[in-house]
Amino acid sequence: MPIFRPPTVDEGPAGGGHFFSRYKIPRGDSIVNNGGTYTRIRTPSLDEFIAATFVYQGGHEYEVDDAEKAALIASGNGITESNFT
């Protein structure tokens, strides 16, 4: 079964300044499944967690079947084959 890693965004740390603008760290986005509709959210709220069918939290890995893999890629949330191993 494929292993899914939600997408990430490279961001600089809070603050600013010359040196901080050069330093980037990957931050995981979460993918929220609401009955087959997938939404990419940085940090889901408690209400979004409760309402969701399933939440793929950023920074974690999930084992998915081939049908779920195809649905995630087709969701239009920037998920590609590179998010799976």
PDB file of N, CA and C in Angstrom:
ATOM      1  N   MET A   1       0.840  -1.185   0.000  1.00  0.00           N
ATOM      2  CA  MET A   1       0.000   0.000   0.000  1.00  0.00           C
ATOM      3  C   MET A   1       0.888   1.251   0.000  1.00  0.00           C
ATOM      4  N   PRO A   2       0.466   2.274  -0.720  1.00  0.00           N
ATOM      5  CA  PRO A   2       1.250   3.509  -0.767  1.00  0.00           C
ATOM      6  C   PRO A   2       1.250   4.244   0.587  1.00  0.00           C
ATOM      7  N   ILE A   3       2.329   4.954   0.848  1.00  0.00           N
ATOM      8  CA  ILE A   3       2.442   5.812   2.020  1.00  0.00           C
ATOM      9  C   ILE A   3       2.284   7.257   1.546  1.00  0.00           C
ATOM     10  N   PHE A   4       1.338   7.982   2.142  1.00  0.00           N
ATOM     11  CA  PHE A   4       1.046   9.364   1.766  1.00  0.00           C
ATOM     12  C   PHE A   4       1.660  10.327   2.768  1.00  0.00           C
ATOM     13  N   ARG A   5       2.374  11.333   2.248  1.00  0.00           N
ATOM     14  CA  ARG A   5       2.903  12.444   3.043  1.00  0.00           C
ATOM     15  C   ARG A   5       2.244  13.722   2.531  1.00  0.00           C
ATOM     16  N   PRO A   6       1.437  14.383   3.367  1.00  0.00           N
ATOM     17  CA  PRO A   6       0.787  15.621   2.915  1.00  0.00           C
ATOM     18  C   PRO A   6       1.806  16.648   2.427  1.00  0.00           C
ATOM     19  N   PRO A   7       1.386  17.545   1.531  1.00  0.00           N
ATOM     20  CA  PRO A   7       2.305  18.531   0.963  1.00  0.00           C
ATOM     21  C   PRO A   7       2.847  19.510   2.007  1.00  0.00           C
ATOM     22  N   THR A   8       3.981  20.123   1.667  1.00  0.00           N
ATOM     23  CA  THR A   8       4.601  21.103   2.546  1.00  0.00           C
ATOM     24  C   THR A   8       4.803  22.423   1.797  1.00  0.00           C
ATOM     25  N   VAL A   9       5.036  23.470   2.572  1.00  0.00           N
ATOM     26  CA  VAL A   9       5.342  24.794   2.046  1.00  0.00           C
ATOM     27  C   VAL A   9       6.605  25.258   2.750  1.00  0.00           C
ATOM     28  N   ASP A  10       7.581  25.781   2.004  1.00  0.00           N
ATOM     29  CA  ASP A  10       8.800  26.306   2.617  1.00  0.00           C
ATOM     30  C   ASP A  10       8.555  27.734   3.086  1.00  0.00           C
ATOM     31  N   GLU A  11       8.768  27.959   4.387  1.00  0.00           N
ATOM     32  CA  GLU A  11       8.539  29.272   4.981  1.00  0.00           C
ATOM     33  C   GLU A  11       9.731  29.696   5.801  1.00  0.00           C
ATOM     34  N   GLY A  12       9.910  30.991   5.903  1.00  0.00           N
ATOM     35  CA  GLY A  12      10.919  31.536   6.801  1.00  0.00           C
ATOM     36  C   GLY A  12      10.345  31.658   8.198  1.00  0.00           C
ATOM     37  N   PRO A  13      11.201  31.700   9.202  1.00  0.00           N
ATOM     38  CA  PRO A  13      10.715  31.862  10.571  1.00  0.00           C
ATOM     39  C   PRO A  13      10.116  33.245  10.785  1.00  0.00           C
ATOM     40  N   ALA A  14       9.312  33.356  11.835  1.00  0.00           N
ATOM     41  CA  ALA A  14       8.703  34.643  12.161  1.00  0.00           C
ATOM     42  C   ALA A  14       9.780  35.649  12.516  1.00  0.00           C
ATOM     43  N   GLY A  15       9.513  36.851  12.277  1.00  0.00           N
ATOM     44  CA  GLY A  15      10.486  37.891  12.593  1.00  0.00           C
ATOM     45  C   GLY A  15      10.767  38.713  11.361  1.00  0.00           C
ATOM     46  N   GLY A  16      11.875  38.548  10.820  1.00  0.00           N
ATOM     47  CA  GLY A  16      12.260  39.306   9.643  1.00  0.00           C
ATOM     48  C   GLY A  16      13.760  39.509   9.684  1.00  0.00           C
ATOM     49  N   GLY A  17      14.192  40.447   8.947  1.00  0.00           N
ATOM     50  CA  GLY A  17      15.607  40.730   8.920  1.00  0.00           C
ATOM     51  C   GLY A  17      16.312  39.992   7.808  1.00  0.00           C
ATOM     52  N   HIS A  18      17.524  40.404   7.569  1.00  0.00           N
ATOM     53  CA  HIS A  18      18.321  39.905   6.461  1.00  0.00           C
ATOM     54  C   HIS A  18      18.567  38.402   6.533  1.00  0.00           C
ATOM     55  N   PHE A  19      18.983  37.896   7.673  1.00  0.00           N
ATOM     56  CA  PHE A  19      19.323  36.475   7.773  1.00  0.00           C
ATOM     57  C   PHE A  19      18.090  35.577   7.787  1.00  0.00           C
ATOM     58  N   PHE A  20      17.019  36.024   8.432  1.00  0.00           N
ATOM     59  CA  PHE A  20      15.811  35.213   8.466  1.00  0.00           C
ATOM     60  C   PHE A  20      15.212  35.037   7.077  1.00  0.00           C
ATOM     61  N   SER A  21      15.380  36.009   6.207  1.00  0.00           N
ATOM     62  CA  SER A  21      14.796  35.913   4.871  1.00  0.00           C
ATOM     63  C   SER A  21      15.449  34.811   4.038  1.00  0.00           C
ATOM     64  N   ARG A  22      16.632  34.359   4.418  1.00  0.00           N
ATOM     65  CA  ARG A  22      17.330  33.300   3.682  1.00  0.00           C
ATOM     66  C   ARG A  22      17.042  31.903   4.202  1.00  0.00           C
ATOM     67  N   TYR A  23      16.539  31.795   5.398  1.00  0.00           N
ATOM     68  CA  TYR A  23      16.339  30.501   6.048  1.00  0.00           C
ATOM     69  C   TYR A  23      14.906  30.038   5.830  1.00  0.00           C
ATOM     70  N   LYS A  24      14.731  28.870   5.244  1.00  0.00           N
ATOM     71  CA  LYS A  24      13.396  28.332   4.983  1.00  0.00           C
ATOM     72  C   LYS A  24      13.284  26.945   5.618  1.00  0.00           C
ATOM     73  N   ILE A  25      12.124  26.677   6.182  1.00  0.00           N
ATOM     74  CA  ILE A  25      11.851  25.357   6.741  1.00  0.00           C
ATOM     75  C   ILE A  25      10.536  24.846   6.151  1.00  0.00           C
ATOM     76  N   PRO A  26      10.447  23.540   5.907  1.00  0.00           N
ATOM     77  CA  PRO A  26       9.191  23.004   5.372  1.00  0.00           C
ATOM     78  C   PRO A  26       8.124  22.920   6.463  1.00  0.00           C
ATOM     79  N   ARG A  27       6.925  23.409   6.160  1.00  0.00           N
ATOM     80  CA  ARG A  27       5.793  23.343   7.073  1.00  0.00           C
ATOM     81  C   ARG A  27       4.712  22.509   6.411  1.00  0.00           C
ATOM     82  N   GLY A  28       4.230  21.522   7.118  1.00  0.00           N
ATOM     83  CA  GLY A  28       3.226  20.622   6.568  1.00  0.00           C
ATOM     84  C   GLY A  28       1.839  21.234   6.545  1.00  0.00           C
ATOM     85  N   ASP A  29       1.153  21.078   5.425  1.00  0.00           N
ATOM     86  CA  ASP A  29      -0.258  21.425   5.321  1.00  0.00           C
ATOM     87  C   ASP A  29      -1.071  20.159   5.585  1.00  0.00           C
ATOM     88  N   SER A  30      -2.276  20.328   6.089  1.00  0.00           N
ATOM     89  CA  SER A  30      -3.166  19.196   6.314  1.00  0.00           C
ATOM     90  C   SER A  30      -4.153  19.094   5.161  1.00  0.00           C
ATOM     91  N   ILE A  31      -4.597  17.886   4.903  1.00  0.00           N
ATOM     92  CA  ILE A  31      -5.625  17.633   3.902  1.00  0.00           C
ATOM     93  C   ILE A  31      -6.850  17.112   4.638  1.00  0.00           C
ATOM     94  N   VAL A  32      -7.963  17.832   4.507  1.00  0.00           N
ATOM     95  CA  VAL A  32      -9.199  17.474   5.197  1.00  0.00           C
ATOM     96  C   VAL A  32     -10.153  16.842   4.195  1.00  0.00           C
ATOM     97  N   ASN A  33     -10.624  15.641   4.510  1.00  0.00           N
ATOM     98  CA  ASN A  33     -11.589  14.937   3.671  1.00  0.00           C
ATOM     99  C   ASN A  33     -12.967  15.113   4.302  1.00  0.00           C
ATOM    100  N   ASN A  34     -13.851  15.806   3.591  1.00  0.00           N
ATOM    101  CA  ASN A  34     -15.244  15.966   4.022  1.00  0.00           C
ATOM    102  C   ASN A  34     -16.132  15.206   3.043  1.00  0.00           C
ATOM    103  N   GLY A  35     -16.325  13.934   3.298  1.00  0.00           N
ATOM    104  CA  GLY A  35     -17.196  13.133   2.444  1.00  0.00           C
ATOM    105  C   GLY A  35     -16.751  13.049   1.002  1.00  0.00           C
ATOM    106  N   GLY A  36     -15.448  13.014   0.761  1.00  0.00           N
ATOM    107  CA  GLY A  36     -14.926  12.901  -0.592  1.00  0.00           C
ATOM    108  C   GLY A  36     -14.472  14.220  -1.197  1.00  0.00           C
ATOM    109  N   THR A  37     -14.718  15.326  -0.516  1.00  0.00           N
ATOM    110  CA  THR A  37     -14.215  16.630  -0.937  1.00  0.00           C
ATOM    111  C   THR A  37     -12.980  16.932  -0.101  1.00  0.00           C
ATOM    112  N   TYR A  38     -11.846  17.139  -0.769  1.00  0.00           N
ATOM    113  CA  TYR A  38     -10.574  17.341  -0.084  1.00  0.00           C
ATOM    114  C   TYR A  38     -10.200  18.821  -0.100  1.00  0.00           C
ATOM    115  N   THR A  39      -9.777  19.317   1.063  1.00  0.00           N
ATOM    116  CA  THR A  39      -9.382  20.713   1.209  1.00  0.00           C
ATOM    117  C   THR A  39      -8.008  20.766   1.863  1.00  0.00           C
ATOM    118  N   ARG A  40      -7.152  21.622   1.338  1.00  0.00           N
ATOM    119  CA  ARG A  40      -5.810  21.803   1.907  1.00  0.00           C
ATOM    120  C   ARG A  40      -5.854  22.963   2.888  1.00  0.00           C
ATOM    121  N   ILE A  41      -5.505  22.687   4.149  1.00  0.00           N
ATOM    122  CA  ILE A  41      -5.580  23.677   5.226  1.00  0.00           C
ATOM    123  C   ILE A  41      -4.285  23.622   6.021  1.00  0.00           C
ATOM    124  N   ARG A  42      -3.749  24.770   6.385  1.00  0.00           N
ATOM    125  CA  ARG A  42      -2.523  24.791   7.193  1.00  0.00           C
ATOM    126  C   ARG A  42      -2.760  24.126   8.542  1.00  0.00           C
ATOM    127  N   THR A  43      -3.651  24.658   9.331  1.00  0.00           N
ATOM    128  CA  THR A  43      -3.933  24.121  10.660  1.00  0.00           C
ATOM    129  C   THR A  43      -5.444  24.044  10.836  1.00  0.00           C
ATOM    130  N   PRO A  44      -6.022  22.849  10.703  1.00  0.00           N
ATOM    131  CA  PRO A  44      -7.478  22.733  10.863  1.00  0.00           C
ATOM    132  C   PRO A  44      -7.915  23.095  12.283  1.00  0.00           C
ATOM    133  N   SER A  45      -9.063  23.742  12.370  1.00  0.00           N
ATOM    134  CA  SER A  45      -9.633  24.069  13.672  1.00  0.00           C
ATOM    135  C   SER A  45     -10.287  22.825  14.267  1.00  0.00           C
ATOM    136  N   LEU A  46     -10.650  22.899  15.528  1.00  0.00           N
ATOM    137  CA  LEU A  46     -11.334  21.785  16.182  1.00  0.00           C
ATOM    138  C   LEU A  46     -12.648  21.478  15.472  1.00  0.00           C
ATOM    139  N   ASP A  47     -13.379  22.513  15.073  1.00  0.00           N
ATOM    140  CA  ASP A  47     -14.643  22.304  14.353  1.00  0.00           C
ATOM    141  C   ASP A  47     -14.420  21.585  13.027  1.00  0.00           C
ATOM    142  N   GLU A  48     -13.324  21.915  12.331  1.00  0.00           N
ATOM    143  CA  GLU A  48     -13.015  21.241  11.064  1.00  0.00           C
ATOM    144  C   GLU A  48     -12.654  19.775  11.306  1.00  0.00           C
ATOM    145  N   PHE A  49     -11.935  19.499  12.392  1.00  0.00           N
ATOM    146  CA  PHE A  49     -11.628  18.111  12.742  1.00  0.00           C
ATOM    147  C   PHE A  49     -12.904  17.324  13.025  1.00  0.00           C
ATOM    148  N   ILE A  50     -13.785  17.905  13.791  1.00  0.00           N
ATOM    149  CA  ILE A  50     -15.026  17.208  14.172  1.00  0.00           C
ATOM    150  C   ILE A  50     -15.905  16.936  12.962  1.00  0.00           C
ATOM    151  N   ALA A  51     -15.992  17.905  12.049  1.00  0.00           N
ATOM    152  CA  ALA A  51     -16.853  17.759  10.872  1.00  0.00           C
ATOM    153  C   ALA A  51     -16.259  16.857   9.798  1.00  0.00           C
ATOM    154  N   ALA A  52     -14.961  16.623   9.843  1.00  0.00           N
ATOM    155  CA  ALA A  52     -14.277  15.901   8.769  1.00  0.00           C
ATOM    156  C   ALA A  52     -14.539  14.402   8.816  1.00  0.00           C
ATOM    157  N   THR A  53     -14.522  13.806   7.629  1.00  0.00           N
ATOM    158  CA  THR A  53     -14.532  12.350   7.521  1.00  0.00           C
ATOM    159  C   THR A  53     -13.176  11.813   7.960  1.00  0.00           C
ATOM    160  N   PHE A  54     -12.108  12.490   7.530  1.00  0.00           N
ATOM    161  CA  PHE A  54     -10.742  12.117   7.921  1.00  0.00           C
ATOM    162  C   PHE A  54      -9.833  13.319   7.698  1.00  0.00           C
ATOM    163  N   VAL A  55      -8.800  13.439   8.532  1.00  0.00           N
ATOM    164  CA  VAL A  55      -7.828  14.524   8.387  1.00  0.00           C
ATOM    165  C   VAL A  55      -6.435  13.915   8.265  1.00  0.00           C
ATOM    166  N   TYR A  56      -5.750  14.244   7.177  1.00  0.00           N
ATOM    167  CA  TYR A  56      -4.346  13.880   7.000  1.00  0.00           C
ATOM    168  C   TYR A  56      -3.528  15.063   7.507  1.00  0.00           C
ATOM    169  N   GLN A  57      -2.992  14.952   8.707  1.00  0.00           N
ATOM    170  CA  GLN A  57      -2.258  16.061   9.307  1.00  0.00           C
ATOM    171  C   GLN A  57      -0.880  16.208   8.678  1.00  0.00           C
ATOM    172  N   GLY A  58      -0.495  17.461   8.401  1.00  0.00           N
ATOM    173  CA  GLY A  58       0.818  17.742   7.849  1.00  0.00           C
ATOM    174  C   GLY A  58       1.911  17.277   8.790  1.00  0.00           C
ATOM    175  N   GLY A  59       2.996  16.762   8.211  1.00  0.00           N
ATOM    176  CA  GLY A  59       4.119  16.292   9.005  1.00  0.00           C
ATOM    177  C   GLY A  59       4.009  14.844   9.428  1.00  0.00           C
ATOM    178  N   HIS A  60       2.959  14.155   9.011  1.00  0.00           N
ATOM    179  CA  HIS A  60       2.766  12.749   9.349  1.00  0.00           C
ATOM    180  C   HIS A  60       2.675  11.922   8.071  1.00  0.00           C
ATOM    181  N   GLU A  61       2.781  10.607   8.210  1.00  0.00           N
ATOM    182  CA  GLU A  61       2.653   9.696   7.072  1.00  0.00           C
ATOM    183  C   GLU A  61       1.456   8.790   7.286  1.00  0.00           C
ATOM    184  N   TYR A  62       0.775   8.461   6.190  1.00  0.00           N
ATOM    185  CA  TYR A  62      -0.439   7.654   6.249  1.00  0.00           C
ATOM    186  C   TYR A  62      -0.414   6.573   5.180  1.00  0.00           C
ATOM    187  N   GLU A  63      -0.797   5.380   5.558  1.00  0.00           N
ATOM    188  CA  GLU A  63      -0.943   4.293   4.592  1.00  0.00           C
ATOM    189  C   GLU A  63      -2.331   4.418   3.979  1.00  0.00           C
ATOM    190  N   VAL A  64      -2.383   4.494   2.644  1.00  0.00           N
ATOM    191  CA  VAL A  64      -3.655   4.636   1.932  1.00  0.00           C
ATOM    192  C   VAL A  64      -3.750   3.547   0.864  1.00  0.00           C
ATOM    193  N   ASP A  65      -4.982   3.241   0.462  1.00  0.00           N
ATOM    194  CA  ASP A  65      -5.142   2.273  -0.626  1.00  0.00           C
ATOM    195  C   ASP A  65      -5.063   3.004  -1.966  1.00  0.00           C
ATOM    196  N   ASP A  66      -5.073   2.248  -3.046  1.00  0.00           N
ATOM    197  CA  ASP A  66      -4.905   2.837  -4.377  1.00  0.00           C
ATOM    198  C   ASP A  66      -6.051   3.780  -4.755  1.00  0.00           C
ATOM    199  N   ALA A  67      -7.276   3.469  -4.314  1.00  0.00           N
ATOM    200  CA  ALA A  67      -8.416   4.333  -4.619  1.00  0.00           C
ATOM    201  C   ALA A  67      -8.276   5.686  -3.914  1.00  0.00           C
ATOM    202  N   GLU A  68      -7.844   5.669  -2.656  1.00  0.00           N
ATOM    203  CA  GLU A  68      -7.645   6.921  -1.910  1.00  0.00           C
ATOM    204  C   GLU A  68      -6.493   7.727  -2.508  1.00  0.00           C
ATOM    205  N   LYS A  69      -5.443   7.033  -2.943  1.00  0.00           N
ATOM    206  CA  LYS A  69      -4.321   7.707  -3.595  1.00  0.00           C
ATOM    207  C   LYS A  69      -4.802   8.442  -4.837  1.00  0.00           C
ATOM    208  N   ALA A  70      -5.595   7.772  -5.663  1.00  0.00           N
ATOM    209  CA  ALA A  70      -6.113   8.399  -6.884  1.00  0.00           C
ATOM    210  C   ALA A  70      -7.007   9.589  -6.549  1.00  0.00           C
ATOM    211  N   ALA A  71      -7.823   9.483  -5.517  1.00  0.00           N
ATOM    212  CA  ALA A  71      -8.705  10.580  -5.113  1.00  0.00           C
ATOM    213  C   ALA A  71      -7.900  11.772  -4.598  1.00  0.00           C
ATOM    214  N   LEU A  72      -6.847  11.517  -3.839  1.00  0.00           N
ATOM    215  CA  LEU A  72      -6.002  12.594  -3.331  1.00  0.00           C
ATOM    216  C   LEU A  72      -5.299  13.332  -4.465  1.00  0.00           C
ATOM    217  N   ILE A  73      -4.780  12.600  -5.433  1.00  0.00           N
ATOM    218  CA  ILE A  73      -4.100  13.229  -6.571  1.00  0.00           C
ATOM    219  C   ILE A  73      -5.101  14.039  -7.405  1.00  0.00           C
ATOM    220  N   ALA A  74      -6.301  13.507  -7.580  1.00  0.00           N
ATOM    221  CA  ALA A  74      -7.321  14.181  -8.391  1.00  0.00           C
ATOM    222  C   ALA A  74      -7.973  15.362  -7.672  1.00  0.00           C
ATOM    223  N   SER A  75      -7.679  15.556  -6.397  1.00  0.00           N
ATOM    224  CA  SER A  75      -8.359  16.591  -5.606  1.00  0.00           C
ATOM    225  C   SER A  75      -7.998  18.013  -5.998  1.00  0.00           C
ATOM    226  N   GLY A  76      -6.897  18.211  -6.714  1.00  0.00           N
ATOM    227  CA  GLY A  76      -6.497  19.558  -7.117  1.00  0.00           C
ATOM    228  C   GLY A  76      -5.868  20.375  -6.005  1.00  0.00           C
ATOM    229  N   ASN A  77      -5.269  19.707  -5.041  1.00  0.00           N
ATOM    230  CA  ASN A  77      -4.643  20.400  -3.903  1.00  0.00           C
ATOM    231  C   ASN A  77      -3.124  20.348  -3.945  1.00  0.00           C
ATOM    232  N   GLY A  78      -2.566  20.180  -5.128  1.00  0.00           N
ATOM    233  CA  GLY A  78      -1.115  20.151  -5.260  1.00  0.00           C
ATOM    234  C   GLY A  78      -0.481  18.825  -4.869  1.00  0.00           C
ATOM    235  N   ILE A  79      -1.281  17.780  -4.798  1.00  0.00           N
ATOM    236  CA  ILE A  79      -0.780  16.453  -4.431  1.00  0.00           C
ATOM    237  C   ILE A  79      -0.421  15.713  -5.715  1.00  0.00           C
ATOM    238  N   THR A  80       0.800  15.177  -5.764  1.00  0.00           N
ATOM    239  CA  THR A  80       1.284  14.455  -6.929  1.00  0.00           C
ATOM    240  C   THR A  80       1.860  13.114  -6.488  1.00  0.00           C
ATOM    241  N   GLU A  81       2.354  12.362  -7.440  1.00  0.00           N
ATOM    242  CA  GLU A  81       3.001  11.087  -7.147  1.00  0.00           C
ATOM    243  C   GLU A  81       4.155  11.244  -6.151  1.00  0.00           C
ATOM    244  N   SER A  82       4.787  12.424  -6.142  1.00  0.00           N
ATOM    245  CA  SER A  82       5.923  12.638  -5.247  1.00  0.00           C
ATOM    246  C   SER A  82       5.512  12.662  -3.777  1.00  0.00           C
ATOM    247  N   ASN A  83       4.209  12.753  -3.481  1.00  0.00           N
ATOM    248  CA  ASN A  83       3.736  12.701  -2.097  1.00  0.00           C
ATOM    249  C   ASN A  83       3.541  11.275  -1.600  1.00  0.00           C
ATOM    250  N   PHE A  84       3.845  10.295  -2.453  1.00  0.00           N
ATOM    251  CA  PHE A  84       3.636   8.890  -2.095  1.00  0.00           C
ATOM    252  C   PHE A  84       4.934   8.101  -2.246  1.00  0.00           C
ATOM    253  N   THR A  85       5.104   7.108  -1.387  1.00  0.00           N
ATOM    254  CA  THR A  85       6.213   6.161  -1.531  1.00  0.00           C
ATOM    255  C   THR A  85       5.669   4.757  -1.520  1.00  0.00           C
TER     256      THR A  85
END
